[in-house]
Amino acid sequence: MTLDISTLDSRLRAVTLTAACDVDNPLCGPDGAATIFGPQKGANESHIRSLEQHLHRFASICHYQLGHAIAHFPGAGAAGGIGAALGGLLNAQLVPGVDLLLTRTHAYPLLAQADWIITGEGRVDGQTQHGKVPMAIARIAQSHHIPVVVIAGSVGDNCTPLYQHGVSAIFSIQPGPCEHSEALANTTSNLTRTAENIARLIHLSPN
């Protein structure tokens, strides 16, 4: 197996690429794309082992043939490994997506003036601390002593570190176990109910 990048558009050499990443995971290893994101996309243990082997093989070929080390830099595992291609092969600068968004929208001064911040994510778990939006928002809020509430479609394991970095509370919108189709059908009503209850708690706050 070899790589042929001879057909890359020559104009890429004259531009600087910036890639917005929502995670800082490497391409391979225990925190890599296959191990962390595979289960979220439905991969079982056998699939994950196979994906990990192929990613290692791809990284080895890139390093041997092109001299590019793409396996372990932060963000290489973003979007299933697209970060590795952009940063390792096209020399793109990988930056946290939330930082780029907040800078471009001039949101930092607004966050600093907030009394409460409510943010959200599809699933909150141990992976959230690796560059996800709620974690970035919480760290900013923590420096200004602003409470942060996270609303999630589901809440997984290993969330405790989030509380140490600025997250005040986490709420799942799901009222109980249900089929995926049911969760999708009831998203609006579940989100509305959860947001209302959070608002009621905030209203009771002495501040």
Foldseek 3Di string as FASTA:
>chain_A
DADDPPPPDPCLVVDAAEAAFQFFFFCADCRHQLNPCVVVVPHDPVRSVVLRVVSVVVQVNCCVPVVFRQGGGTRCRGPNRVSSCCCGVSVYHYDHNLVVVCVVVVCLVVLLPDQAEEEEDAEAELRCCGRHPQLVSQQSNVVNVHEYEYEYCYYDYHRVVSVVRGHDYYYHLDPDDDDPVVSVVCVVVSVVVVVVVVVVVVVPDPD
